[in-house]
Amino acid sequence: MREYNNPKTGPRPAESLPAARLHDLRHVHATSLLLAGVAVHVVAARLGHADPAITLRVYAHVISSQVTQAADIFARAVDEAA
């Protein structure tokens, strides 16, 4: 990020990347996988969680938004079929 925000040659970017810790990138990784529909047990394994329940607790907000989206999709499908 430092090289992107302050390149040795060429112009600086119009918008610099915000500072991020490695732990922040871990959360981005897990959240992205869950939003892409990757199974919780697979994400848990990638994060090194011994039990997928840990992943479910930490990322419950992501999973609950997927449940809401699934309900909306189902409601639209039923509406169109009627």
N, C-alpha and C. Protein backbone atom coordinates (compact mmCIF):
# COMPACT_ATOMS: atom_id res chain seq x y z
N MET A 1 0.82 -1.18 0.00
CA MET A 1 0.00 0.00 0.00
C MET A 1 0.87 1.25 0.00
N ARG A 2 1.94 1.17 0.75
CA ARG A 2 2.83 2.34 0.83
C ARG A 2 3.37 2.69 -0.56
N GLU A 3 3.75 1.68 -1.33
CA GLU A 3 4.28 1.94 -2.66
C GLU A 3 3.20 2.49 -3.59
N TYR A 4 1.97 2.02 -3.43
CA TYR A 4 0.87 2.53 -4.25
C TYR A 4 0.58 3.99 -3.90
N ASN A 5 0.50 4.27 -2.60
CA ASN A 5 0.17 5.63 -2.15
C ASN A 5 1.28 6.63 -2.41
N ASN A 6 2.53 6.19 -2.36
CA ASN A 6 3.69 7.07 -2.57
C ASN A 6 4.67 6.43 -3.55
N PRO A 7 4.29 6.38 -4.83
CA PRO A 7 5.18 5.73 -5.80
C PRO A 7 6.51 6.49 -5.97
N LYS A 8 7.57 5.71 -6.22
CA LYS A 8 8.88 6.33 -6.42
C LYS A 8 8.94 7.08 -7.74
N THR A 9 8.20 6.58 -8.72
CA THR A 9 8.13 7.24 -10.01
C THR A 9 6.67 7.42 -10.39
N GLY A 10 6.40 8.43 -11.15
CA GLY A 10 5.04 8.67 -11.61
C GLY A 10 4.20 9.43 -10.58
N PRO A 11 3.01 9.76 -11.02
CA PRO A 11 2.14 10.57 -10.14
C PRO A 11 1.53 9.74 -9.01
N ARG A 12 1.15 10.44 -7.96
CA ARG A 12 0.44 9.80 -6.86
C ARG A 12 -0.99 9.51 -7.30
N PRO A 13 -1.61 8.49 -6.73
CA PRO A 13 -3.00 8.19 -7.11
C PRO A 13 -3.94 9.30 -6.61
N ALA A 14 -5.06 9.47 -7.30
CA ALA A 14 -6.04 10.48 -6.90
C ALA A 14 -6.57 10.17 -5.50
N GLU A 15 -6.81 8.90 -5.23
CA GLU A 15 -7.26 8.49 -3.89
C GLU A 15 -6.32 7.41 -3.38
N SER A 16 -5.72 7.66 -2.23
CA SER A 16 -4.80 6.67 -1.69
C SER A 16 -5.56 5.56 -0.96
N LEU A 17 -4.92 4.43 -0.86
CA LEU A 17 -5.51 3.31 -0.14
C LEU A 17 -5.43 3.58 1.36
N PRO A 18 -6.48 3.23 2.11
CA PRO A 18 -6.43 3.45 3.56
C PRO A 18 -5.48 2.45 4.22
N ALA A 19 -5.00 2.82 5.38
CA ALA A 19 -4.13 1.92 6.13
C ALA A 19 -4.93 0.69 6.55
N ALA A 20 -4.30 -0.47 6.48
CA ALA A 20 -4.97 -1.71 6.88
C ALA A 20 -3.96 -2.62 7.54
N ARG A 21 -4.40 -3.21 8.65
CA ARG A 21 -3.55 -4.18 9.34
C ARG A 21 -3.77 -5.55 8.70
N LEU A 22 -2.88 -6.47 8.93
CA LEU A 22 -3.02 -7.81 8.40
C LEU A 22 -4.33 -8.44 8.89
N HIS A 23 -4.68 -8.17 10.13
CA HIS A 23 -5.92 -8.70 10.69
C HIS A 23 -7.15 -8.16 9.95
N ASP A 24 -7.09 -6.90 9.52
CA ASP A 24 -8.18 -6.32 8.74
C ASP A 24 -8.33 -7.06 7.41
N LEU A 25 -7.22 -7.39 6.78
CA LEU A 25 -7.26 -8.12 5.51
C LEU A 25 -7.82 -9.52 5.71
N ARG A 26 -7.58 -10.12 6.86
CA ARG A 26 -8.14 -11.43 7.18
C ARG A 26 -9.67 -11.35 7.20
N HIS A 27 -10.20 -10.27 7.81
CA HIS A 27 -11.66 -10.09 7.85
C HIS A 27 -12.22 -9.84 6.46
N VAL A 28 -11.53 -9.06 5.66
CA VAL A 28 -11.97 -8.82 4.29
C VAL A 28 -12.02 -10.13 3.51
N HIS A 29 -11.00 -10.94 3.69
CA HIS A 29 -10.92 -12.23 3.02
C HIS A 29 -12.10 -13.11 3.40
N ALA A 30 -12.34 -13.26 4.69
CA ALA A 30 -13.43 -14.12 5.17
C ALA A 30 -14.79 -13.59 4.72
N THR A 31 -15.00 -12.30 4.85
CA THR A 31 -16.27 -11.70 4.46
C THR A 31 -16.51 -11.87 2.96
N SER A 32 -15.49 -11.65 2.17
CA SER A 32 -15.62 -11.80 0.71
C SER A 32 -15.99 -13.23 0.34
N LEU A 33 -15.35 -14.20 0.98
CA LEU A 33 -15.66 -15.59 0.68
C LEU A 33 -17.10 -15.93 1.06
N LEU A 34 -17.53 -15.48 2.23
CA LEU A 34 -18.89 -15.78 2.67
C LEU A 34 -19.92 -15.12 1.76
N LEU A 35 -19.68 -13.88 1.37
CA LEU A 35 -20.60 -13.20 0.46
C LEU A 35 -20.63 -13.84 -0.92
N ALA A 36 -19.54 -14.48 -1.30
CA ALA A 36 -19.48 -15.18 -2.58
C ALA A 36 -20.16 -16.55 -2.52
N GLY A 37 -20.62 -16.93 -1.33
CA GLY A 37 -21.34 -18.19 -1.21
C GLY A 37 -20.48 -19.39 -0.83
N VAL A 38 -19.25 -19.15 -0.44
CA VAL A 38 -18.38 -20.25 -0.01
C VAL A 38 -18.92 -20.80 1.32
N ALA A 39 -18.96 -22.10 1.45
CA ALA A 39 -19.50 -22.74 2.65
C ALA A 39 -18.71 -22.33 3.89
N VAL A 40 -19.44 -22.18 4.99
CA VAL A 40 -18.84 -21.73 6.25
C VAL A 40 -17.71 -22.65 6.68
N HIS A 41 -17.86 -23.96 6.52
CA HIS A 41 -16.81 -24.86 6.98
C HIS A 41 -15.53 -24.69 6.16
N VAL A 42 -15.66 -24.29 4.91
CA VAL A 42 -14.48 -24.04 4.07
C VAL A 42 -13.79 -22.76 4.53
N VAL A 43 -14.56 -21.71 4.79
CA VAL A 43 -14.00 -20.45 5.28
C VAL A 43 -13.32 -20.68 6.63
N ALA A 44 -13.98 -21.45 7.49
CA ALA A 44 -13.41 -21.75 8.80
C ALA A 44 -12.05 -22.44 8.66
N ALA A 45 -11.96 -23.38 7.74
CA ALA A 45 -10.69 -24.09 7.53
C ALA A 45 -9.61 -23.12 7.03
N ARG A 46 -9.98 -22.21 6.13
CA ARG A 46 -8.99 -21.25 5.62
C ARG A 46 -8.50 -20.31 6.71
N LEU A 47 -9.39 -19.98 7.66
CA LEU A 47 -9.02 -19.08 8.75
C LEU A 47 -8.29 -19.80 9.88
N GLY A 48 -8.32 -21.13 9.85
CA GLY A 48 -7.67 -21.90 10.90
C GLY A 48 -8.55 -22.08 12.13
N HIS A 49 -9.85 -21.86 11.97
CA HIS A 49 -10.77 -22.09 13.10
C HIS A 49 -10.98 -23.58 13.27
N ALA A 50 -10.86 -24.06 14.49
CA ALA A 50 -11.02 -25.49 14.77
C ALA A 50 -12.47 -25.91 14.59
N ASP A 51 -13.40 -24.97 14.77
CA ASP A 51 -14.83 -25.28 14.71
C ASP A 51 -15.52 -24.19 13.89
N PRO A 52 -16.32 -24.57 12.90
CA PRO A 52 -17.04 -23.56 12.11
C PRO A 52 -17.96 -22.67 12.96
N ALA A 53 -18.32 -23.11 14.16
CA ALA A 53 -19.15 -22.29 15.04
C ALA A 53 -18.45 -20.98 15.38
N ILE A 54 -17.14 -21.01 15.47
CA ILE A 54 -16.37 -19.78 15.73
C ILE A 54 -16.58 -18.80 14.58
N THR A 55 -16.47 -19.31 13.37
CA THR A 55 -16.66 -18.48 12.17
C THR A 55 -18.08 -17.93 12.14
N LEU A 56 -19.04 -18.77 12.47
CA LEU A 56 -20.44 -18.34 12.48
C LEU A 56 -20.66 -17.21 13.49
N ARG A 57 -20.04 -17.30 14.63
CA ARG A 57 -20.21 -16.25 15.65
C ARG A 57 -19.59 -14.93 15.20
N VAL A 58 -18.39 -15.01 14.65
CA VAL A 58 -17.67 -13.80 14.26
C VAL A 58 -18.31 -13.13 13.05
N TYR A 59 -18.80 -13.94 12.10
CA TYR A 59 -19.32 -13.40 10.84
C TYR A 59 -20.82 -13.57 10.70
N ALA A 60 -21.53 -13.62 11.82
CA ALA A 60 -22.99 -13.80 11.80
C ALA A 60 -23.68 -12.70 11.00
N HIS A 61 -23.17 -11.47 11.09
CA HIS A 61 -23.79 -10.36 10.37
C HIS A 61 -23.75 -10.57 8.86
N VAL A 62 -22.68 -11.18 8.37
CA VAL A 62 -22.56 -11.44 6.93
C VAL A 62 -23.55 -12.53 6.52
N ILE A 63 -23.61 -13.57 7.32
CA ILE A 63 -24.47 -14.71 7.01
C ILE A 63 -25.94 -14.30 7.11
N SER A 64 -26.29 -13.47 8.09
CA SER A 64 -27.69 -13.05 8.22
C SER A 64 -28.10 -12.18 7.04
N SER A 65 -27.18 -11.39 6.48
CA SER A 65 -27.53 -10.60 5.29
C SER A 65 -27.78 -11.51 4.10
N GLN A 66 -27.06 -12.63 4.01
CA GLN A 66 -27.30 -13.59 2.94
C GLN A 66 -28.67 -14.24 3.10
N VAL A 67 -29.07 -14.52 4.32
CA VAL A 67 -30.38 -15.12 4.57
C VAL A 67 -31.47 -14.15 4.13
N THR A 68 -31.29 -12.88 4.43
CA THR A 68 -32.26 -11.87 4.01
C THR A 68 -32.33 -11.78 2.49
N GLN A 69 -31.19 -11.81 1.84
CA GLN A 69 -31.17 -11.77 0.37
C GLN A 69 -31.87 -12.99 -0.22
N ALA A 70 -31.64 -14.16 0.37
CA ALA A 70 -32.28 -15.38 -0.13
C ALA A 70 -33.79 -15.28 0.03
N ALA A 71 -34.25 -14.73 1.14
CA ALA A 71 -35.69 -14.56 1.35
C ALA A 71 -36.28 -13.60 0.33
N ASP A 72 -35.57 -12.52 0.03
CA ASP A 72 -36.05 -11.56 -0.97
C ASP A 72 -36.13 -12.20 -2.36
N ILE A 73 -35.13 -12.97 -2.71
CA ILE A 73 -35.12 -13.65 -4.01
C ILE A 73 -36.29 -14.62 -4.09
N PHE A 74 -36.52 -15.37 -3.04
CA PHE A 74 -37.62 -16.32 -3.01
C PHE A 74 -38.97 -15.58 -3.13
N ALA A 75 -39.12 -14.50 -2.40
CA ALA A 75 -40.37 -13.73 -2.44
C ALA A 75 -40.64 -13.21 -3.84
N ARG A 76 -39.62 -12.72 -4.53
CA ARG A 76 -39.78 -12.24 -5.91
C ARG A 76 -40.17 -13.37 -6.83
N ALA A 77 -39.54 -14.53 -6.66
CA ALA A 77 -39.85 -15.68 -7.51
C ALA A 77 -41.28 -16.13 -7.32
N VAL A 78 -41.75 -16.15 -6.09
CA VAL A 78 -43.14 -16.56 -5.81
C VAL A 78 -44.10 -15.52 -6.37
N ASP A 79 -43.74 -14.25 -6.26
CA ASP A 79 -44.57 -13.17 -6.78
C ASP A 79 -44.71 -13.27 -8.30
N GLU A 80 -43.60 -13.57 -8.97
CA GLU A 80 -43.62 -13.69 -10.43
C GLU A 80 -44.41 -14.90 -10.88
N ALA A 81 -44.40 -15.95 -10.10
CA ALA A 81 -45.10 -17.19 -10.46
C ALA A 81 -46.61 -17.03 -10.29
N ALA A 82 -47.01 -16.11 -9.45
CA ALA A 82 -48.45 -15.95 -9.16
C ALA A 82 -49.20 -15.21 -10.24
